[in-house]
């Protein structure tokens, strides 16, 4: 739709309007040969390396290739006070989880946090950001079981409990032992 409306390639538009202005110089929705030296091979649930994934078509839902540092800059941008309305929950999922404009919103008794996760074959990623304290953790893994690390990492780095795991993500993965990891 973006290409039909603008007459411009989606990747070019996203680079110009989003990625470059936010300083995301190491990010793209399409494979770039310059990524090859830092490419992290994906691993399946048994730990076996999977074939390289090099998306050639832009897909906003799943083809972002980025670094933790670049994505942390993106998360910091969303913490800006002028974007508070865009972070406001619009669709409640559970008692503590809702959706805003592209971000999940976790609400606990003390504060609100933004979250987002990525789940491509062999890659599991998660970000949790607290706008009030301008703190965030960006976690990117190259293993099918990578989200098992999220809970312990977040508790260590940011403290507290995170209902997003039990109330929202757990049903997606259906693991009986999900809570012990998150």
N, C-alpha and C. Protein backbone atom coordinates (compact mmCIF):
# COMPACT_ATOMS: atom_id res chain seq x y z
N UNK A 1 0.82 -1.17 0.00
CA UNK A 1 0.00 0.00 0.00
C UNK A 1 0.88 1.26 0.00
N UNK A 2 1.96 1.25 0.81
CA UNK A 2 2.86 2.40 0.86
C UNK A 2 3.41 2.71 -0.52
N UNK A 3 3.82 1.68 -1.23
CA UNK A 3 4.39 1.90 -2.56
C UNK A 3 3.35 2.41 -3.54
N UNK A 4 2.13 1.93 -3.45
CA UNK A 4 1.08 2.40 -4.35
C UNK A 4 0.72 3.86 -4.09
N UNK A 5 0.67 4.24 -2.82
CA UNK A 5 0.28 5.61 -2.47
C UNK A 5 1.40 6.60 -2.77
N UNK A 6 2.65 6.23 -2.43
CA UNK A 6 3.76 7.17 -2.56
C UNK A 6 4.50 7.06 -3.88
N UNK A 7 4.40 5.91 -4.54
CA UNK A 7 5.19 5.69 -5.75
C UNK A 7 6.66 5.47 -5.44
N UNK A 8 6.96 5.20 -4.19
CA UNK A 8 8.34 5.02 -3.74
C UNK A 8 8.50 3.63 -3.11
N UNK A 9 9.68 3.06 -3.24
CA UNK A 9 9.95 1.76 -2.62
C UNK A 9 9.83 1.90 -1.10
N UNK A 10 9.18 0.93 -0.46
CA UNK A 10 8.96 0.98 0.99
C UNK A 10 10.27 1.12 1.75
N UNK A 11 11.28 0.35 1.37
CA UNK A 11 12.58 0.42 2.05
C UNK A 11 13.15 1.84 1.98
N UNK A 12 13.10 2.47 0.82
CA UNK A 12 13.63 3.84 0.67
C UNK A 12 12.87 4.82 1.58
N UNK A 13 11.56 4.71 1.60
CA UNK A 13 10.74 5.58 2.42
C UNK A 13 11.04 5.38 3.91
N UNK A 14 11.11 4.14 4.35
CA UNK A 14 11.39 3.86 5.77
C UNK A 14 12.79 4.34 6.14
N UNK A 15 13.75 4.14 5.26
CA UNK A 15 15.10 4.63 5.55
C UNK A 15 15.09 6.15 5.75
N UNK A 16 14.47 6.86 4.82
CA UNK A 16 14.47 8.32 4.84
C UNK A 16 13.64 8.90 6.00
N UNK A 17 12.47 8.32 6.25
CA UNK A 17 11.55 8.92 7.21
C UNK A 17 11.67 8.39 8.64
N UNK A 18 12.23 7.21 8.80
CA UNK A 18 12.28 6.61 10.14
C UNK A 18 13.70 6.24 10.56
N UNK A 19 14.32 5.34 9.85
CA UNK A 19 15.60 4.79 10.31
C UNK A 19 16.72 5.83 10.37
N UNK A 20 16.98 6.55 9.30
CA UNK A 20 18.06 7.55 9.32
C UNK A 20 17.81 8.67 10.33
N UNK A 21 16.60 9.25 10.39
CA UNK A 21 16.38 10.31 11.38
C UNK A 21 16.59 9.84 12.82
N UNK A 22 16.36 8.56 13.07
CA UNK A 22 16.57 8.03 14.43
C UNK A 22 17.99 7.52 14.64
N UNK A 23 18.85 7.69 13.65
CA UNK A 23 20.24 7.25 13.78
C UNK A 23 20.41 5.75 13.67
N UNK A 24 19.45 5.07 13.06
CA UNK A 24 19.50 3.61 12.94
C UNK A 24 20.26 3.22 11.66
N UNK A 25 21.54 3.52 11.66
CA UNK A 25 22.39 3.32 10.48
C UNK A 25 22.69 1.85 10.19
N UNK A 26 22.49 0.99 11.16
CA UNK A 26 22.78 -0.44 11.00
C UNK A 26 21.50 -1.25 10.83
N UNK A 27 20.44 -0.61 10.34
CA UNK A 27 19.14 -1.27 10.23
C UNK A 27 18.58 -1.16 8.82
N UNK A 28 17.84 -2.18 8.44
CA UNK A 28 17.19 -2.21 7.13
C UNK A 28 16.11 -3.28 7.15
N UNK A 29 15.13 -3.14 6.28
CA UNK A 29 14.12 -4.18 6.13
C UNK A 29 14.48 -5.14 5.00
N UNK A 30 15.64 -4.91 4.39
CA UNK A 30 16.15 -5.79 3.35
C UNK A 30 17.61 -6.10 3.63
N UNK A 31 18.04 -7.29 3.25
CA UNK A 31 19.42 -7.71 3.45
C UNK A 31 20.38 -6.74 2.75
N UNK A 32 21.45 -6.40 3.45
CA UNK A 32 22.53 -5.59 2.90
C UNK A 32 23.81 -6.41 3.05
N UNK A 33 24.62 -6.46 2.02
CA UNK A 33 25.85 -7.24 2.09
C UNK A 33 26.74 -6.83 3.26
N UNK A 34 26.66 -5.58 3.67
CA UNK A 34 27.49 -5.11 4.79
C UNK A 34 27.12 -5.78 6.12
N UNK A 35 25.97 -6.45 6.17
CA UNK A 35 25.56 -7.15 7.39
C UNK A 35 26.26 -8.49 7.56
N UNK A 36 26.85 -9.03 6.52
CA UNK A 36 27.36 -10.41 6.52
C UNK A 36 28.39 -10.67 7.62
N UNK A 37 29.27 -9.74 7.91
CA UNK A 37 30.31 -9.98 8.92
C UNK A 37 29.77 -10.07 10.33
N UNK A 38 28.62 -9.48 10.58
CA UNK A 38 28.06 -9.50 11.93
C UNK A 38 26.81 -10.34 12.03
N UNK A 39 26.50 -11.08 10.99
CA UNK A 39 25.29 -11.90 10.97
C UNK A 39 25.36 -12.98 12.04
N UNK A 40 24.31 -13.11 12.83
CA UNK A 40 24.22 -14.16 13.84
C UNK A 40 23.33 -15.28 13.28
N UNK A 41 23.90 -16.43 13.08
CA UNK A 41 23.15 -17.56 12.53
C UNK A 41 22.06 -18.00 13.50
N UNK A 42 20.90 -18.31 12.96
CA UNK A 42 19.78 -18.80 13.77
C UNK A 42 19.99 -20.26 14.14
N UNK A 43 19.39 -20.64 15.26
CA UNK A 43 19.45 -22.03 15.73
C UNK A 43 18.05 -22.50 16.08
N UNK A 44 17.75 -23.74 15.70
CA UNK A 44 16.42 -24.28 15.99
C UNK A 44 16.33 -24.73 17.44
N UNK A 45 15.22 -25.31 17.83
CA UNK A 45 15.00 -25.67 19.23
C UNK A 45 15.92 -26.79 19.73
N UNK A 46 16.59 -27.48 18.82
CA UNK A 46 17.55 -28.51 19.24
C UNK A 46 18.97 -27.95 19.28
N UNK A 47 19.14 -26.69 18.89
CA UNK A 47 20.45 -26.07 18.89
C UNK A 47 21.18 -26.16 17.55
N UNK A 48 20.55 -26.77 16.56
CA UNK A 48 21.19 -26.87 15.24
C UNK A 48 21.10 -25.55 14.50
N UNK A 49 22.20 -25.21 13.82
CA UNK A 49 22.24 -23.99 13.02
C UNK A 49 21.29 -24.11 11.83
N UNK A 50 20.59 -23.03 11.56
CA UNK A 50 19.63 -22.99 10.46
C UNK A 50 20.25 -22.24 9.27
N UNK A 51 19.69 -22.40 8.09
CA UNK A 51 20.21 -21.66 6.92
C UNK A 51 20.10 -20.15 7.14
N UNK A 52 21.00 -19.41 6.52
CA UNK A 52 20.97 -17.95 6.64
C UNK A 52 19.66 -17.40 6.11
N UNK A 53 19.18 -16.36 6.76
CA UNK A 53 17.96 -15.69 6.36
C UNK A 53 18.34 -14.31 5.85
N UNK A 54 18.10 -14.07 4.58
CA UNK A 54 18.45 -12.80 3.95
C UNK A 54 17.23 -12.25 3.20
N UNK A 55 16.36 -11.52 3.90
CA UNK A 55 15.15 -11.02 3.24
C UNK A 55 15.47 -10.02 2.14
N UNK A 56 14.87 -10.21 0.99
CA UNK A 56 15.07 -9.30 -0.13
C UNK A 56 13.86 -8.39 -0.35
N UNK A 57 12.73 -8.76 0.22
CA UNK A 57 11.53 -7.93 0.12
C UNK A 57 11.21 -7.31 1.47
N UNK A 58 10.86 -6.05 1.45
CA UNK A 58 10.50 -5.34 2.68
C UNK A 58 9.16 -5.86 3.20
N UNK A 59 9.13 -6.23 4.46
CA UNK A 59 7.90 -6.62 5.11
C UNK A 59 7.93 -6.03 6.52
N UNK A 60 7.11 -5.04 6.78
CA UNK A 60 7.14 -4.35 8.06
C UNK A 60 6.85 -5.27 9.24
N UNK A 61 6.18 -6.39 9.00
CA UNK A 61 5.83 -7.30 10.09
C UNK A 61 7.01 -8.16 10.54
N UNK A 62 7.98 -8.42 9.67
CA UNK A 62 9.01 -9.36 10.11
C UNK A 62 10.40 -9.21 9.49
N UNK A 63 10.64 -8.30 8.60
CA UNK A 63 11.96 -8.34 7.95
C UNK A 63 12.97 -7.33 8.47
N UNK A 64 12.71 -6.66 9.59
CA UNK A 64 13.68 -5.71 10.12
C UNK A 64 14.95 -6.42 10.55
N UNK A 65 16.05 -6.01 9.98
CA UNK A 65 17.38 -6.47 10.38
C UNK A 65 18.00 -5.29 11.13
N UNK A 66 18.37 -5.51 12.38
CA UNK A 66 18.85 -4.40 13.20
C UNK A 66 19.83 -4.91 14.24
N UNK A 67 20.35 -4.00 15.03
CA UNK A 67 21.24 -4.33 16.13
C UNK A 67 20.56 -3.93 17.44
N UNK A 68 21.00 -4.49 18.55
CA UNK A 68 20.42 -4.05 19.83
C UNK A 68 20.60 -2.55 20.06
N UNK A 69 21.74 -1.99 19.68
CA UNK A 69 21.98 -0.56 19.87
C UNK A 69 21.01 0.28 19.03
N UNK A 70 20.82 -0.08 17.76
CA UNK A 70 19.89 0.66 16.92
C UNK A 70 18.47 0.56 17.47
N UNK A 71 18.07 -0.64 17.89
CA UNK A 71 16.70 -0.78 18.38
C UNK A 71 16.52 -0.08 19.72
N UNK A 72 17.57 -0.01 20.52
CA UNK A 72 17.49 0.74 21.77
C UNK A 72 17.22 2.22 21.48
N UNK A 73 17.84 2.76 20.43
CA UNK A 73 17.57 4.14 20.03
C UNK A 73 16.12 4.33 19.61
N UNK A 74 15.57 3.34 18.92
CA UNK A 74 14.17 3.38 18.52
C UNK A 74 13.28 3.39 19.77
N UNK A 75 13.59 2.51 20.73
CA UNK A 75 12.81 2.45 21.97
C UNK A 75 12.91 3.78 22.73
N UNK A 76 14.10 4.36 22.79
CA UNK A 76 14.26 5.64 23.47
C UNK A 76 13.41 6.73 22.82
N UNK A 77 13.34 6.70 21.51
CA UNK A 77 12.51 7.68 20.81
C UNK A 77 11.05 7.59 21.29
N UNK A 78 10.54 6.38 21.44
CA UNK A 78 9.16 6.19 21.86
C UNK A 78 8.92 6.61 23.31
N UNK A 79 9.98 6.85 24.06
CA UNK A 79 9.83 7.31 25.43
C UNK A 79 9.68 8.82 25.52
N UNK A 80 9.87 9.52 24.41
CA UNK A 80 9.78 10.98 24.42
C UNK A 80 8.39 11.43 24.89
N UNK A 81 8.35 12.47 25.71
CA UNK A 81 7.05 12.94 26.24
C UNK A 81 6.03 13.29 25.16
N UNK A 82 6.48 13.83 24.02
CA UNK A 82 5.52 14.24 22.99
C UNK A 82 4.84 13.04 22.32
N UNK A 83 5.30 11.82 22.60
CA UNK A 83 4.66 10.63 22.04
C UNK A 83 3.78 9.90 23.05
N UNK A 84 3.49 10.54 24.18
CA UNK A 84 2.68 9.90 25.22
C UNK A 84 1.32 9.44 24.69
N UNK A 85 0.70 10.22 23.83
CA UNK A 85 -0.61 9.83 23.30
C UNK A 85 -0.51 8.57 22.45
N UNK A 86 0.59 8.41 21.72
CA UNK A 86 0.79 7.21 20.88
C UNK A 86 1.07 5.97 21.73
N UNK A 87 1.51 6.19 22.96
CA UNK A 87 1.76 5.06 23.87
C UNK A 87 0.53 4.68 24.68
N UNK A 88 -0.52 5.47 24.60
CA UNK A 88 -1.71 5.24 25.41
C UNK A 88 -2.40 3.94 24.98
N UNK A 89 -2.76 3.09 25.93
CA UNK A 89 -3.46 1.84 25.60
C UNK A 89 -4.78 2.10 24.88
N UNK A 90 -5.01 1.36 23.81
CA UNK A 90 -6.26 1.50 23.06
C UNK A 90 -7.05 0.19 23.02
N UNK A 91 -6.39 -0.92 23.28
CA UNK A 91 -7.06 -2.21 23.22
C UNK A 91 -6.56 -3.07 24.37
N UNK A 92 -7.40 -3.28 25.37
CA UNK A 92 -7.01 -4.06 26.54
C UNK A 92 -7.02 -5.54 26.20
N UNK A 93 -5.94 -6.24 26.55
CA UNK A 93 -5.79 -7.68 26.30
C UNK A 93 -6.08 -8.46 27.57
N UNK A 94 -5.61 -7.94 28.68
CA UNK A 94 -5.81 -8.60 29.98
C UNK A 94 -5.75 -7.52 31.06
N UNK A 95 -5.75 -7.94 32.29
CA UNK A 95 -5.73 -6.98 33.39
C UNK A 95 -4.53 -6.05 33.35
N UNK A 96 -3.38 -6.55 32.90
CA UNK A 96 -2.15 -5.77 32.93
C UNK A 96 -1.52 -5.51 31.57
N UNK A 97 -2.16 -5.97 30.50
CA UNK A 97 -1.57 -5.86 29.17
C UNK A 97 -2.58 -5.26 28.19
N UNK A 98 -2.09 -4.31 27.38
CA UNK A 98 -2.92 -3.67 26.37
C UNK A 98 -2.05 -3.38 25.14
N UNK A 99 -2.69 -2.92 24.09
CA UNK A 99 -1.96 -2.50 22.88
C UNK A 99 -2.14 -1.02 22.66
N UNK A 100 -1.07 -0.39 22.23
CA UNK A 100 -1.08 1.01 21.81
C UNK A 100 -0.74 1.03 20.32
N UNK A 101 -0.12 2.07 19.85
CA UNK A 101 0.24 2.20 18.43
C UNK A 101 1.49 1.38 18.11
N UNK A 102 1.32 0.07 17.93
CA UNK A 102 2.43 -0.80 17.56
C UNK A 102 3.22 -1.35 18.72
N UNK A 103 2.98 -0.87 19.90
CA UNK A 103 3.66 -1.35 21.10
C UNK A 103 2.64 -2.00 22.03
N UNK A 104 3.11 -3.01 22.75
CA UNK A 104 2.32 -3.52 23.85
C UNK A 104 2.55 -2.60 25.04
N UNK A 105 1.58 -2.55 25.93
CA UNK A 105 1.70 -1.74 27.14
C UNK A 105 1.43 -2.65 28.33
N UNK A 106 2.41 -2.72 29.21
CA UNK A 106 2.29 -3.50 30.45
C UNK A 106 2.06 -2.51 31.58
N UNK A 107 1.00 -2.72 32.34
CA UNK A 107 0.69 -1.83 33.46
C UNK A 107 0.73 -2.64 34.74
N UNK A 108 1.57 -2.22 35.65
CA UNK A 108 1.60 -2.83 36.98
C UNK A 108 1.18 -1.76 37.97
N UNK A 109 1.16 -2.10 39.24
CA UNK A 109 0.75 -1.14 40.25
C UNK A 109 1.62 0.09 40.31
N UNK A 110 2.86 -0.01 39.84
CA UNK A 110 3.76 1.11 39.99
C UNK A 110 3.99 1.93 38.73
N UNK A 111 4.09 1.29 37.58
CA UNK A 111 4.37 2.06 36.38
C UNK A 111 3.99 1.31 35.11
N UNK A 112 4.02 2.06 34.03
CA UNK A 112 3.68 1.52 32.73
C UNK A 112 4.97 1.25 31.95
N UNK A 113 4.96 0.19 31.17
CA UNK A 113 6.11 -0.15 30.34
C UNK A 113 5.64 -0.49 28.94
N UNK A 114 6.47 -0.21 27.96
CA UNK A 114 6.22 -0.60 26.59
C UNK A 114 6.95 -1.89 26.31
N UNK A 115 6.36 -2.75 25.48
CA UNK A 115 7.08 -3.97 25.11
C UNK A 115 6.80 -4.29 23.65
N UNK A 116 7.71 -5.03 23.10
CA UNK A 116 7.54 -5.56 21.75
C UNK A 116 8.41 -6.80 21.67
N UNK A 117 7.98 -7.75 20.87
CA UNK A 117 8.79 -8.94 20.70
C UNK A 117 8.83 -9.33 19.24
N UNK A 118 9.89 -10.03 18.88
CA UNK A 118 10.04 -10.52 17.53
C UNK A 118 10.21 -12.03 17.58
N UNK A 119 9.62 -12.71 16.60
CA UNK A 119 9.64 -14.16 16.61
C UNK A 119 9.72 -14.67 15.18
N UNK A 120 10.93 -14.70 14.65
CA UNK A 120 11.17 -15.33 13.35
C UNK A 120 11.84 -16.67 13.60
N UNK A 121 11.79 -17.57 12.63
CA UNK A 121 12.40 -18.89 12.82
C UNK A 121 13.84 -18.77 13.30
N UNK A 122 14.08 -19.28 14.50
CA UNK A 122 15.43 -19.29 15.05
C UNK A 122 15.89 -18.00 15.67
N UNK A 123 15.06 -16.99 15.69
CA UNK A 123 15.38 -15.71 16.32
C UNK A 123 14.24 -15.33 17.25
N UNK A 124 14.57 -14.96 18.47
CA UNK A 124 13.57 -14.50 19.43
C UNK A 124 14.13 -13.22 20.06
N UNK A 125 13.32 -12.17 20.04
CA UNK A 125 13.77 -10.87 20.53
C UNK A 125 12.69 -10.26 21.41
N UNK A 126 13.14 -9.40 22.32
CA UNK A 126 12.19 -8.76 23.22
C UNK A 126 12.76 -7.43 23.69
N UNK A 127 11.89 -6.44 23.81
CA UNK A 127 12.28 -5.15 24.39
C UNK A 127 11.21 -4.76 25.41
N UNK A 128 11.68 -4.25 26.53
CA UNK A 128 10.80 -3.72 27.57
C UNK A 128 11.37 -2.35 27.94
N UNK A 129 10.53 -1.32 27.84
CA UNK A 129 10.99 0.05 28.06
C UNK A 129 10.08 0.77 29.03
N UNK A 130 10.68 1.48 29.96
CA UNK A 130 9.95 2.23 30.98
C UNK A 130 10.13 3.72 30.71
N UNK A 131 9.15 4.37 30.07
CA UNK A 131 9.29 5.78 29.72
C UNK A 131 9.55 6.70 30.92
N UNK A 132 8.89 6.46 32.05
CA UNK A 132 9.06 7.36 33.21
C UNK A 132 10.50 7.38 33.72
N UNK A 133 11.15 6.24 33.72
CA UNK A 133 12.54 6.22 34.19
C UNK A 133 13.55 6.18 33.05
N UNK A 134 13.06 6.22 31.81
CA UNK A 134 13.91 6.19 30.61
C UNK A 134 14.92 5.05 30.69
N UNK A 135 14.39 3.88 30.98
CA UNK A 135 15.20 2.67 31.06
C UNK A 135 14.59 1.61 30.16
N UNK A 136 15.45 0.83 29.54
CA UNK A 136 14.96 -0.22 28.66
C UNK A 136 15.98 -1.35 28.58
N UNK A 137 15.48 -2.51 28.24
CA UNK A 137 16.33 -3.65 27.93
C UNK A 137 15.91 -4.15 26.55
N UNK A 138 16.89 -4.28 25.67
CA UNK A 138 16.68 -4.85 24.34
C UNK A 138 17.42 -6.16 24.32
N UNK A 139 16.70 -7.23 24.05
CA UNK A 139 17.29 -8.56 24.05
C UNK A 139 17.07 -9.19 22.68
N UNK A 140 18.16 -9.59 22.02
CA UNK A 140 18.06 -10.25 20.73
C UNK A 140 18.81 -11.56 20.80
N UNK A 141 18.14 -12.65 20.45
CA UNK A 141 18.78 -13.95 20.51
C UNK A 141 18.72 -14.64 19.15
N UNK A 142 19.63 -15.55 18.94
CA UNK A 142 19.64 -16.31 17.69
C UNK A 142 19.36 -17.78 17.98
N UNK A 143 18.39 -18.00 18.84
CA UNK A 143 17.98 -19.35 19.17
C UNK A 143 16.47 -19.44 19.35
N UNK A 144 15.90 -20.54 18.91
CA UNK A 144 14.46 -20.74 19.00
C UNK A 144 13.94 -20.69 20.44
N UNK A 145 14.82 -20.95 21.40
CA UNK A 145 14.42 -20.92 22.81
C UNK A 145 14.87 -19.64 23.51
N UNK A 146 15.23 -18.64 22.75
CA UNK A 146 15.80 -17.42 23.30
C UNK A 146 14.94 -16.67 24.28
N UNK A 147 13.62 -16.71 24.12
CA UNK A 147 12.77 -15.96 25.04
C UNK A 147 12.80 -16.51 26.46
N UNK A 148 13.32 -17.70 26.63
CA UNK A 148 13.44 -18.24 27.99
C UNK A 148 14.38 -17.40 28.85
N UNK A 149 15.23 -16.63 28.18
CA UNK A 149 16.16 -15.77 28.91
C UNK A 149 15.54 -14.45 29.33
N UNK A 150 14.44 -14.07 28.71
CA UNK A 150 13.88 -12.74 28.91
C UNK A 150 13.52 -12.44 30.37
N UNK A 151 12.78 -13.31 31.00
CA UNK A 151 12.37 -13.06 32.38
C UNK A 151 13.54 -12.84 33.32
N UNK A 152 14.50 -13.77 33.38
CA UNK A 152 15.64 -13.57 34.28
C UNK A 152 16.45 -12.31 33.94
N UNK A 153 16.63 -12.02 32.67
CA UNK A 153 17.39 -10.82 32.28
C UNK A 153 16.65 -9.57 32.73
N UNK A 154 15.35 -9.53 32.49
CA UNK A 154 14.58 -8.34 32.86
C UNK A 154 14.51 -8.16 34.37
N UNK A 155 14.32 -9.23 35.10
CA UNK A 155 14.29 -9.12 36.57
C UNK A 155 15.63 -8.61 37.09
N UNK A 156 16.73 -9.08 36.52
CA UNK A 156 18.06 -8.65 36.96
C UNK A 156 18.31 -7.20 36.58
N UNK A 157 18.00 -6.83 35.35
CA UNK A 157 18.31 -5.48 34.86
C UNK A 157 17.34 -4.41 35.35
N UNK A 158 16.05 -4.73 35.43
CA UNK A 158 15.05 -3.72 35.72
C UNK A 158 14.25 -3.96 37.00
N UNK A 159 14.34 -5.18 37.52
CA UNK A 159 13.59 -5.51 38.72
C UNK A 159 12.11 -5.72 38.45
N UNK A 160 11.39 -6.10 39.47
CA UNK A 160 9.95 -6.24 39.37
C UNK A 160 9.49 -7.49 38.65
N UNK A 161 8.18 -7.62 38.54
CA UNK A 161 7.59 -8.72 37.80
C UNK A 161 7.00 -8.15 36.51
N UNK A 162 6.84 -9.00 35.53
CA UNK A 162 6.42 -8.54 34.22
C UNK A 162 5.28 -9.40 33.70
N UNK A 163 4.04 -8.97 33.94
CA UNK A 163 2.88 -9.76 33.57
C UNK A 163 2.73 -10.02 32.08
N UNK A 164 3.47 -9.30 31.25
CA UNK A 164 3.38 -9.53 29.82
C UNK A 164 3.67 -11.00 29.49
N UNK A 165 4.53 -11.63 30.25
CA UNK A 165 4.88 -13.02 29.96
C UNK A 165 3.74 -13.97 30.27
N UNK A 166 3.20 -13.90 31.47
CA UNK A 166 2.13 -14.82 31.84
C UNK A 166 0.79 -14.50 31.21
N UNK A 167 0.50 -13.21 31.04
CA UNK A 167 -0.82 -12.81 30.55
C UNK A 167 -0.91 -12.67 29.04
N UNK A 168 0.20 -12.54 28.38
CA UNK A 168 0.13 -12.32 26.94
C UNK A 168 0.97 -13.32 26.14
N UNK A 169 2.25 -13.41 26.41
CA UNK A 169 3.12 -14.25 25.58
C UNK A 169 2.97 -15.74 25.84
N UNK A 170 2.68 -16.11 27.05
CA UNK A 170 2.59 -17.53 27.39
C UNK A 170 1.65 -18.32 26.47
N UNK A 171 0.45 -17.84 26.18
CA UNK A 171 -0.43 -18.61 25.28
C UNK A 171 0.13 -18.81 23.87
N UNK A 172 0.98 -17.89 23.41
CA UNK A 172 1.57 -18.04 22.08
C UNK A 172 2.51 -19.23 22.02
N UNK A 173 3.14 -19.53 23.14
CA UNK A 173 4.16 -20.57 23.14
C UNK A 173 3.70 -21.86 23.79
N UNK A 174 2.65 -21.80 24.59
CA UNK A 174 2.02 -22.99 25.13
C UNK A 174 2.89 -23.91 25.95
N UNK A 175 3.94 -23.42 26.52
CA UNK A 175 4.81 -24.25 27.34
C UNK A 175 4.27 -24.32 28.76
N UNK A 176 4.19 -25.52 29.27
CA UNK A 176 3.77 -25.66 30.65
C UNK A 176 4.75 -25.00 31.59
N UNK A 177 6.01 -25.02 31.25
CA UNK A 177 7.03 -24.43 32.11
C UNK A 177 7.39 -23.01 31.78
N UNK A 178 6.58 -22.33 30.96
CA UNK A 178 6.91 -20.97 30.54
C UNK A 178 7.16 -20.06 31.73
N UNK A 179 6.30 -20.11 32.75
CA UNK A 179 6.42 -19.20 33.89
C UNK A 179 7.76 -19.36 34.61
N UNK A 180 8.31 -20.57 34.66
CA UNK A 180 9.58 -20.72 35.38
C UNK A 180 10.73 -20.01 34.65
N UNK A 181 10.56 -19.78 33.34
CA UNK A 181 11.60 -19.07 32.60
C UNK A 181 11.34 -17.57 32.57
N UNK A 182 10.09 -17.18 32.67
CA UNK A 182 9.76 -15.75 32.55
C UNK A 182 9.07 -15.27 33.79
